[in-house]
PDB file of N, CA and C in Angstrom:
ATOM      1  N   UNK A   1     -43.836 169.674  64.571  1.00  0.00           N
ATOM      2  CA  UNK A   1     -43.999 168.843  65.711  1.00  0.00           C
ATOM      3  C   UNK A   1     -43.654 169.637  66.982  1.00  0.00           C
ATOM      4  N   UNK A   2     -44.514 169.686  67.952  1.00  0.00           N
ATOM      5  CA  UNK A   2     -44.250 170.394  69.186  1.00  0.00           C
ATOM      6  C   UNK A   2     -43.941 169.435  70.251  1.00  0.00           C
ATOM      7  N   UNK A   3     -42.807 169.752  70.978  1.00  0.00           N
ATOM      8  CA  UNK A   3     -42.343 168.912  72.083  1.00  0.00           C
ATOM      9  C   UNK A   3     -42.896 169.455  73.378  1.00  0.00           C
ATOM     10  N   UNK A   4     -43.159 168.526  74.307  1.00  0.00           N
ATOM     11  CA  UNK A   4     -43.635 168.993  75.618  1.00  0.00           C
ATOM     12  C   UNK A   4     -42.501 169.564  76.355  1.00  0.00           C
ATOM     13  N   UNK A   5     -42.806 170.369  77.387  1.00  0.00           N
ATOM     14  CA  UNK A   5     -41.741 170.985  78.230  1.00  0.00           C
ATOM     15  C   UNK A   5     -40.902 169.929  78.917  1.00  0.00           C
ATOM     16  N   UNK A   6     -41.526 168.770  79.276  1.00  0.00           N
ATOM     17  CA  UNK A   6     -40.776 167.716  79.915  1.00  0.00           C
ATOM     18  C   UNK A   6     -39.705 167.163  79.026  1.00  0.00           C
ATOM     19  N   UNK A   7     -40.097 166.958  77.756  1.00  0.00           N
ATOM     20  CA  UNK A   7     -39.118 166.395  76.764  1.00  0.00           C
ATOM     21  C   UNK A   7     -38.030 167.421  76.446  1.00  0.00           C
ATOM     22  N   UNK A   8     -38.305 168.683  76.390  1.00  0.00           N
ATOM     23  CA  UNK A   8     -37.329 169.747  76.190  1.00  0.00           C
ATOM     24  C   UNK A   8     -36.355 169.801  77.334  1.00  0.00           C
ATOM     25  N   UNK A   9     -36.871 169.592  78.539  1.00  0.00           N
ATOM     26  CA  UNK A   9     -36.032 169.549  79.721  1.00  0.00           C
ATOM     27  C   UNK A   9     -35.065 168.372  79.700  1.00  0.00           C
ATOM     28  N   UNK A  10     -35.590 167.235  79.289  1.00  0.00           N
ATOM     29  CA  UNK A  10     -34.670 166.039  79.163  1.00  0.00           C
ATOM     30  C   UNK A  10     -33.601 166.236  78.136  1.00  0.00           C
ATOM     31  N   UNK A  11     -33.973 166.827  76.999  1.00  0.00           N
ATOM     32  CA  UNK A  11     -32.964 167.065  75.942  1.00  0.00           C
ATOM     33  C   UNK A  11     -31.950 168.094  76.421  1.00  0.00           C
ATOM     34  N   UNK A  12     -32.405 169.101  77.149  1.00  0.00           N
ATOM     35  CA  UNK A  12     -31.494 170.060  77.741  1.00  0.00           C
ATOM     36  C   UNK A  12     -30.482 169.405  78.685  1.00  0.00           C
ATOM     37  N   UNK A  13     -31.014 168.463  79.481  1.00  0.00           N
ATOM     38  CA  UNK A  13     -30.144 167.713  80.425  1.00  0.00           C
ATOM     39  C   UNK A  13     -29.027 166.911  79.614  1.00  0.00           C
ATOM     40  N   UNK A  14     -29.448 166.378  78.464  1.00  0.00           N
ATOM     41  CA  UNK A  14     -28.470 165.628  77.641  1.00  0.00           C
ATOM     42  C   UNK A  14     -27.398 166.598  77.122  1.00  0.00           C
ATOM     43  N   UNK A  15     -27.828 167.776  76.723  1.00  0.00           N
ATOM     44  CA  UNK A  15     -26.898 168.793  76.266  1.00  0.00           C
ATOM     45  C   UNK A  15     -25.906 169.187  77.395  1.00  0.00           C
ATOM     46  N   UNK A  16     -26.439 169.445  78.553  1.00  0.00           N
ATOM     47  CA  UNK A  16     -25.575 169.805  79.700  1.00  0.00           C
ATOM     48  C   UNK A  16     -24.579 168.636  80.044  1.00  0.00           C
ATOM     49  N   UNK A  17     -25.088 167.391  79.970  1.00  0.00           N
ATOM     50  CA  UNK A  17     -24.214 166.292  80.251  1.00  0.00           C
ATOM     51  C   UNK A  17     -23.070 166.159  79.216  1.00  0.00           C
ATOM     52  N   UNK A  18     -23.436 166.417  77.991  1.00  0.00           N
ATOM     53  CA  UNK A  18     -22.398 166.392  76.935  1.00  0.00           C
ATOM     54  C   UNK A  18     -21.379 167.502  77.134  1.00  0.00           C
ATOM     55  N   UNK A  19     -21.833 168.702  77.387  1.00  0.00           N
ATOM     56  CA  UNK A  19     -20.930 169.813  77.647  1.00  0.00           C
ATOM     57  C   UNK A  19     -20.054 169.617  78.866  1.00  0.00           C
ATOM     58  N   UNK A  20     -20.641 168.964  79.897  1.00  0.00           N
ATOM     59  CA  UNK A  20     -19.853 168.617  81.090  1.00  0.00           C
ATOM     60  C   UNK A  20     -18.711 167.669  80.690  1.00  0.00           C
ATOM     61  N   UNK A  21     -19.035 166.685  79.846  1.00  0.00           N
ATOM     62  CA  UNK A  21     -18.071 165.708  79.426  1.00  0.00           C
ATOM     63  C   UNK A  21     -16.892 166.244  78.647  1.00  0.00           C
ATOM     64  N   UNK A  22     -17.130 167.273  77.846  1.00  0.00           N
ATOM     65  CA  UNK A  22     -16.079 167.877  76.996  1.00  0.00           C
ATOM     66  C   UNK A  22     -15.483 169.133  77.625  1.00  0.00           C
ATOM     67  N   UNK A  23     -15.972 169.485  78.818  1.00  0.00           N
ATOM     68  CA  UNK A  23     -15.488 170.753  79.443  1.00  0.00           C
ATOM     69  C   UNK A  23     -13.967 170.669  79.680  1.00  0.00           C
ATOM     70  N   UNK A  24     -13.223 171.677  79.491  1.00  0.00           N
ATOM     71  CA  UNK A  24     -13.533 173.095  79.257  1.00  0.00           C
ATOM     72  C   UNK A  24     -13.525 173.398  77.741  1.00  0.00           C
ATOM     73  N   UNK A  25     -13.474 172.451  76.893  1.00  0.00           N
ATOM     74  CA  UNK A  25     -13.431 172.707  75.421  1.00  0.00           C
ATOM     75  C   UNK A  25     -14.769 173.179  74.934  1.00  0.00           C
ATOM     76  N   UNK A  26     -14.832 174.376  74.340  1.00  0.00           N
ATOM     77  CA  UNK A  26     -16.154 174.788  73.754  1.00  0.00           C
ATOM     78  C   UNK A  26     -16.505 173.982  72.528  1.00  0.00           C
ATOM     79  N   UNK A  27     -17.748 173.764  72.304  1.00  0.00           N
ATOM     80  CA  UNK A  27     -18.197 172.900  71.200  1.00  0.00           C
ATOM     81  C   UNK A  27     -19.253 173.651  70.293  1.00  0.00           C
ATOM     82  N   UNK A  28     -19.130 173.424  69.046  1.00  0.00           N
ATOM     83  CA  UNK A  28     -20.095 174.035  68.104  1.00  0.00           C
ATOM     84  C   UNK A  28     -21.484 173.405  68.297  1.00  0.00           C
ATOM     85  N   UNK A  29     -22.523 174.218  67.964  1.00  0.00           N
ATOM     86  CA  UNK A  29     -23.911 173.768  68.044  1.00  0.00           C
ATOM     87  C   UNK A  29     -24.097 172.502  67.197  1.00  0.00           C
ATOM     88  N   UNK A  30     -23.534 172.424  66.008  1.00  0.00           N
ATOM     89  CA  UNK A  30     -23.745 171.296  65.136  1.00  0.00           C
ATOM     90  C   UNK A  30     -23.110 170.015  65.707  1.00  0.00           C
ATOM     91  N   UNK A  31     -22.020 170.146  66.430  1.00  0.00           N
ATOM     92  CA  UNK A  31     -21.385 168.970  67.051  1.00  0.00           C
ATOM     93  C   UNK A  31     -22.219 168.475  68.229  1.00  0.00           C
ATOM     94  N   UNK A  32     -22.832 169.370  68.960  1.00  0.00           N
ATOM     95  CA  UNK A  32     -23.680 168.971  70.073  1.00  0.00           C
ATOM     96  C   UNK A  32     -24.921 168.279  69.512  1.00  0.00           C
ATOM     97  N   UNK A  33     -25.494 168.838  68.461  1.00  0.00           N
ATOM     98  CA  UNK A  33     -26.699 168.233  67.846  1.00  0.00           C
ATOM     99  C   UNK A  33     -26.403 166.838  67.322  1.00  0.00           C
ATOM    100  N   UNK A  34     -25.230 166.714  66.744  1.00  0.00           N
ATOM    101  CA  UNK A  34     -24.826 165.389  66.190  1.00  0.00           C
ATOM    102  C   UNK A  34     -24.590 164.378  67.315  1.00  0.00           C
ATOM    103  N   UNK A  35     -24.039 164.839  68.367  1.00  0.00           N
ATOM    104  CA  UNK A  35     -23.728 163.931  69.502  1.00  0.00           C
ATOM    105  C   UNK A  35     -25.012 163.421  70.163  1.00  0.00           C
ATOM    106  N   UNK A  36     -25.976 164.282  70.357  1.00  0.00           N
ATOM    107  CA  UNK A  36     -27.230 163.874  71.047  1.00  0.00           C
ATOM    108  C   UNK A  36     -28.302 163.505  70.069  1.00  0.00           C
ATOM    109  N   UNK A  37     -28.002 163.440  68.762  1.00  0.00           N
ATOM    110  CA  UNK A  37     -28.864 163.026  67.672  1.00  0.00           C
ATOM    111  C   UNK A  37     -30.166 163.859  67.676  1.00  0.00           C
ATOM    112  N   UNK A  38     -30.020 165.135  67.546  1.00  0.00           N
ATOM    113  CA  UNK A  38     -31.147 166.057  67.471  1.00  0.00           C
ATOM    114  C   UNK A  38     -30.925 167.089  66.365  1.00  0.00           C
ATOM    115  N   UNK A  39     -31.963 167.807  65.981  1.00  0.00           N
ATOM    116  CA  UNK A  39     -31.926 168.779  64.913  1.00  0.00           C
ATOM    117  C   UNK A  39     -31.110 170.007  65.426  1.00  0.00           C
ATOM    118  N   UNK A  40     -30.302 170.560  64.501  1.00  0.00           N
ATOM    119  CA  UNK A  40     -29.428 171.715  64.854  1.00  0.00           C
ATOM    120  C   UNK A  40     -30.267 172.917  65.407  1.00  0.00           C
ATOM    121  N   UNK A  41     -31.358 173.224  64.718  1.00  0.00           N
ATOM    122  CA  UNK A  41     -32.136 174.369  65.096  1.00  0.00           C
ATOM    123  C   UNK A  41     -32.784 174.204  66.482  1.00  0.00           C
ATOM    124  N   UNK A  42     -33.286 172.980  66.776  1.00  0.00           N
ATOM    125  CA  UNK A  42     -33.842 172.732  68.095  1.00  0.00           C
ATOM    126  C   UNK A  42     -32.781 172.866  69.148  1.00  0.00           C
ATOM    127  N   UNK A  43     -31.625 172.303  68.892  1.00  0.00           N
ATOM    128  CA  UNK A  43     -30.495 172.411  69.886  1.00  0.00           C
ATOM    129  C   UNK A  43     -30.125 173.854  70.078  1.00  0.00           C
ATOM    130  N   UNK A  44     -30.042 174.571  69.006  1.00  0.00           N
ATOM    131  CA  UNK A  44     -29.705 176.056  69.173  1.00  0.00           C
ATOM    132  C   UNK A  44     -30.742 176.785  70.031  1.00  0.00           C
ATOM    133  N   UNK A  45     -31.994 176.472  69.797  1.00  0.00           N
ATOM    134  CA  UNK A  45     -33.032 177.127  70.606  1.00  0.00           C
ATOM    135  C   UNK A  45     -32.963 176.748  72.071  1.00  0.00           C
ATOM    136  N   UNK A  46     -32.673 175.465  72.303  1.00  0.00           N
ATOM    137  CA  UNK A  46     -32.515 175.070  73.744  1.00  0.00           C
ATOM    138  C   UNK A  46     -31.295 175.693  74.375  1.00  0.00           C
ATOM    139  N   UNK A  47     -30.220 175.751  73.586  1.00  0.00           N
ATOM    140  CA  UNK A  47     -29.016 176.413  74.123  1.00  0.00           C
ATOM    141  C   UNK A  47     -29.226 177.868  74.412  1.00  0.00           C
ATOM    142  N   UNK A  48     -30.006 178.566  73.562  1.00  0.00           N
ATOM    143  CA  UNK A  48     -30.303 179.975  73.807  1.00  0.00           C
ATOM    144  C   UNK A  48     -31.128 180.128  75.085  1.00  0.00           C
ATOM    145  N   UNK A  49     -32.092 179.233  75.353  1.00  0.00           N
ATOM    146  CA  UNK A  49     -32.869 179.273  76.566  1.00  0.00           C
ATOM    147  C   UNK A  49     -31.986 179.006  77.761  1.00  0.00           C
ATOM    148  N   UNK A  50     -31.035 178.094  77.664  1.00  0.00           N
ATOM    149  CA  UNK A  50     -30.138 177.793  78.768  1.00  0.00           C
ATOM    150  C   UNK A  50     -29.205 178.950  78.997  1.00  0.00           C
ATOM    151  N   UNK A  51     -28.869 179.649  77.964  1.00  0.00           N
ATOM    152  CA  UNK A  51     -27.976 180.873  78.092  1.00  0.00           C
ATOM    153  C   UNK A  51     -28.703 181.886  78.942  1.00  0.00           C
ATOM    154  N   UNK A  52     -29.989 182.108  78.663  1.00  0.00           N
ATOM    155  CA  UNK A  52     -30.778 183.061  79.463  1.00  0.00           C
ATOM    156  C   UNK A  52     -30.827 182.701  80.927  1.00  0.00           C
ATOM    157  N   UNK A  53     -30.790 181.408  81.197  1.00  0.00           N
ATOM    158  CA  UNK A  53     -30.825 180.943  82.585  1.00  0.00           C
ATOM    159  C   UNK A  53     -29.415 180.944  83.255  1.00  0.00           C
ATOM    160  N   UNK A  54     -28.384 181.183  82.455  1.00  0.00           N
ATOM    161  CA  UNK A  54     -27.076 181.222  82.967  1.00  0.00           C
ATOM    162  C   UNK A  54     -26.402 179.904  83.098  1.00  0.00           C
ATOM    163  N   UNK A  55     -26.864 178.888  82.350  1.00  0.00           N
ATOM    164  CA  UNK A  55     -26.268 177.548  82.450  1.00  0.00           C
ATOM    165  C   UNK A  55     -25.164 177.341  81.475  1.00  0.00           C
ATOM    166  N   UNK A  56     -25.187 178.011  80.317  1.00  0.00           N
ATOM    167  CA  UNK A  56     -24.174 177.906  79.284  1.00  0.00           C
ATOM    168  C   UNK A  56     -23.687 179.224  78.842  1.00  0.00           C
ATOM    169  N   UNK A  57     -22.468 179.265  78.264  1.00  0.00           N
ATOM    170  CA  UNK A  57     -21.937 180.490  77.725  1.00  0.00           C
ATOM    171  C   UNK A  57     -21.775 180.300  76.263  1.00  0.00           C
ATOM    172  N   UNK A  58     -22.081 181.335  75.516  1.00  0.00           N
ATOM    173  CA  UNK A  58     -22.007 181.330  74.046  1.00  0.00           C
ATOM    174  C   UNK A  58     -20.663 182.073  73.685  1.00  0.00           C
ATOM    175  N   UNK A  59     -19.909 181.427  72.818  1.00  0.00           N
ATOM    176  CA  UNK A  59     -18.618 182.000  72.383  1.00  0.00           C
ATOM    177  C   UNK A  59     -18.787 182.310  70.881  1.00  0.00           C
ATOM    178  N   UNK A  60     -18.686 183.558  70.520  1.00  0.00           N
ATOM    179  CA  UNK A  60     -18.879 183.968  69.178  1.00  0.00           C
ATOM    180  C   UNK A  60     -17.613 184.347  68.432  1.00  0.00           C
ATOM    181  N   UNK A  61     -16.465 184.039  69.066  1.00  0.00           N
ATOM    182  CA  UNK A  61     -15.196 184.342  68.429  1.00  0.00           C
ATOM    183  C   UNK A  61     -14.302 183.097  68.357  1.00  0.00           C
ATOM    184  N   UNK A  62     -13.514 183.049  67.346  1.00  0.00           N
ATOM    185  CA  UNK A  62     -12.569 181.867  67.253  1.00  0.00           C
ATOM    186  C   UNK A  62     -11.379 182.115  68.170  1.00  0.00           C
ATOM    187  N   UNK A  63     -10.515 181.112  68.314  1.00  0.00           N
ATOM    188  CA  UNK A  63      -9.386 181.230  69.239  1.00  0.00           C
ATOM    189  C   UNK A  63      -8.447 182.408  68.911  1.00  0.00           C
ATOM    190  N   UNK A  64      -8.484 182.828  67.693  1.00  0.00           N
ATOM    191  CA  UNK A  64      -7.623 183.956  67.244  1.00  0.00           C
ATOM    192  C   UNK A  64      -8.276 185.332  67.525  1.00  0.00           C
ATOM    193  N   UNK A  65      -9.538 185.302  67.977  1.00  0.00           N
ATOM    194  CA  UNK A  65     -10.264 186.568  68.291  1.00  0.00           C
ATOM    195  C   UNK A  65     -11.142 187.094  67.178  1.00  0.00           C
ATOM    196  N   UNK A  66     -11.222 186.392  66.099  1.00  0.00           N
ATOM    197  CA  UNK A  66     -12.068 186.831  64.977  1.00  0.00           C
ATOM    198  C   UNK A  66     -13.528 186.383  65.191  1.00  0.00           C
ATOM    199  N   UNK A  67     -14.455 187.225  64.889  1.00  0.00           N
ATOM    200  CA  UNK A  67     -15.865 186.937  65.086  1.00  0.00           C
ATOM    201  C   UNK A  67     -16.304 185.887  64.101  1.00  0.00           C
ATOM    202  N   UNK A  68     -17.165 184.940  64.562  1.00  0.00           N
ATOM    203  CA  UNK A  68     -17.848 183.996  63.667  1.00  0.00           C
ATOM    204  C   UNK A  68     -19.030 184.739  63.070  1.00  0.00           C
ATOM    205  N   UNK A  69     -19.290 184.501  61.827  1.00  0.00           N
ATOM    206  CA  UNK A  69     -20.441 185.182  61.195  1.00  0.00           C
ATOM    207  C   UNK A  69     -21.757 184.502  61.469  1.00  0.00           C
ATOM    208  N   UNK A  70     -21.715 183.115  61.471  1.00  0.00           N
ATOM    209  CA  UNK A  70     -22.950 182.389  61.636  1.00  0.00           C
ATOM    210  C   UNK A  70     -22.862 181.286  62.674  1.00  0.00           C
ATOM    211  N   UNK A  71     -21.679 181.072  63.199  1.00  0.00           N
ATOM    212  CA  UNK A  71     -21.465 179.929  64.124  1.00  0.00           C
ATOM    213  C   UNK A  71     -21.306 180.414  65.539  1.00  0.00           C
ATOM    214  N   UNK A  72     -21.571 179.468  66.457  1.00  0.00           N
ATOM    215  CA  UNK A  72     -21.338 179.692  67.870  1.00  0.00           C
ATOM    216  C   UNK A  72     -20.805 178.463  68.515  1.00  0.00           C
ATOM    217  N   UNK A  73     -19.921 178.658  69.493  1.00  0.00           N
ATOM    218  CA  UNK A  73     -19.464 177.539  70.322  1.00  0.00           C
ATOM    219  C   UNK A  73     -20.002 177.729  71.687  1.00  0.00           C
ATOM    220  N   UNK A  74     -20.215 176.639  72.375  1.00  0.00           N
ATOM    221  CA  UNK A  74     -20.853 176.618  73.692  1.00  0.00           C
ATOM    222  C   UNK A  74     -20.030 175.875  74.739  1.00  0.00           C
ATOM    223  N   UNK A  75     -20.103 176.367  75.968  1.00  0.00           N
ATOM    224  CA  UNK A  75     -19.486 175.692  77.107  1.00  0.00           C
ATOM    225  C   UNK A  75     -20.336 175.958  78.291  1.00  0.00           C
ATOM    226  N   UNK A  76     -20.137 175.116  79.328  1.00  0.00           N
ATOM    227  CA  UNK A  76     -20.882 175.316  80.554  1.00  0.00           C
ATOM    228  C   UNK A  76     -20.438 176.576  81.267  1.00  0.00           C
ATOM    229  N   UNK A  77     -21.331 177.257  81.941  1.00  0.00           N
ATOM    230  CA  UNK A  77     -20.942 178.391  82.774  1.00  0.00           C
ATOM    231  C   UNK A  77     -20.250 177.816  83.998  1.00  0.00           C
ATOM    232  N   UNK A  78     -19.482 178.627  84.654  1.00  0.00           N
ATOM    233  CA  UNK A  78     -18.734 178.205  85.843  1.00  0.00           C
ATOM    234  C   UNK A  78     -19.679 177.695  86.921  1.00  0.00           C
ATOM    235  N   UNK A  79     -20.772 178.398  87.105  1.00  0.00           N
ATOM    236  CA  UNK A  79     -21.805 178.066  88.081  1.00  0.00           C
ATOM    237  C   UNK A  79     -22.394 176.701  87.748  1.00  0.00           C
ATOM    238  N   UNK A  80     -22.746 176.446  86.535  1.00  0.00           N
ATOM    239  CA  UNK A  80     -23.380 175.217  86.132  1.00  0.00           C
ATOM    240  C   UNK A  80     -22.359 174.069  86.258  1.00  0.00           C
ATOM    241  N   UNK A  81     -21.100 174.333  85.922  1.00  0.00           N
ATOM    242  CA  UNK A  81     -20.091 173.289  86.073  1.00  0.00           C
ATOM    243  C   UNK A  81     -19.941 172.845  87.512  1.00  0.00           C
ATOM    244  N   UNK A  82     -19.861 173.797  88.451  1.00  0.00           N
ATOM    245  CA  UNK A  82     -19.708 173.491  89.823  1.00  0.00           C
ATOM    246  C   UNK A  82     -20.910 172.647  90.343  1.00  0.00           C
ATOM    247  N   UNK A  83     -22.114 173.081  89.951  1.00  0.00           N
ATOM    248  CA  UNK A  83     -23.308 172.341  90.386  1.00  0.00           C
ATOM    249  C   UNK A  83     -23.286 170.910  89.835  1.00  0.00           C
ATOM    250  N   UNK A  84     -22.989 170.767  88.603  1.00  0.00           N
ATOM    251  CA  UNK A  84     -22.937 169.498  87.912  1.00  0.00           C
ATOM    252  C   UNK A  84     -21.844 168.609  88.536  1.00  0.00           C
ATOM    253  N   UNK A  85     -20.687 169.200  88.827  1.00  0.00           N
ATOM    254  CA  UNK A  85     -19.631 168.450  89.439  1.00  0.00           C
ATOM    255  C   UNK A  85     -20.004 167.940  90.851  1.00  0.00           C
ATOM    256  N   UNK A  86     -20.650 168.766  91.566  1.00  0.00           N
ATOM    257  CA  UNK A  86     -21.154 168.348  92.941  1.00  0.00           C
ATOM    258  C   UNK A  86     -22.151 167.216  92.833  1.00  0.00           C
ATOM    259  N   UNK A  87     -23.010 167.268  91.848  1.00  0.00           N
ATOM    260  CA  UNK A  87     -23.989 166.189  91.667  1.00  0.00           C
ATOM    261  C   UNK A  87     -23.374 164.850  91.273  1.00  0.00           C
ATOM    262  N   UNK A  88     -22.256 164.924  90.521  1.00  0.00           N
ATOM    263  CA  UNK A  88     -21.631 163.683  90.032  1.00  0.00           C
ATOM    264  C   UNK A  88     -20.882 162.973  91.221  1.00  0.00           C
ATOM    265  N   UNK A  89     -20.510 163.723  92.217  1.00  0.00           N
ATOM    266  CA  UNK A  89     -19.729 163.061  93.325  1.00  0.00           C
ATOM    267  C   UNK A  89     -20.556 162.459  94.379  1.00  0.00           C
TER     268      UNK A  89
END
């Protein structure tokens, strides 16, 4: 099933809103997908696109500094957080 660009944009907005709500705590892709009730792979693809745009940051290491082999955590970029915070006020 192919989603329109408009629907992808709306889902991306849901992801950003969720990340803003849990900021500054980074969140795993699977937790984001569960929260917005979407498929993990689709959420991962959307997060990768947002990463290219500079909206989110991908964290590939655990808090102890060890690399994740297959997982990633995500958080809002500083720039996206400031923009989102200004829009909320």
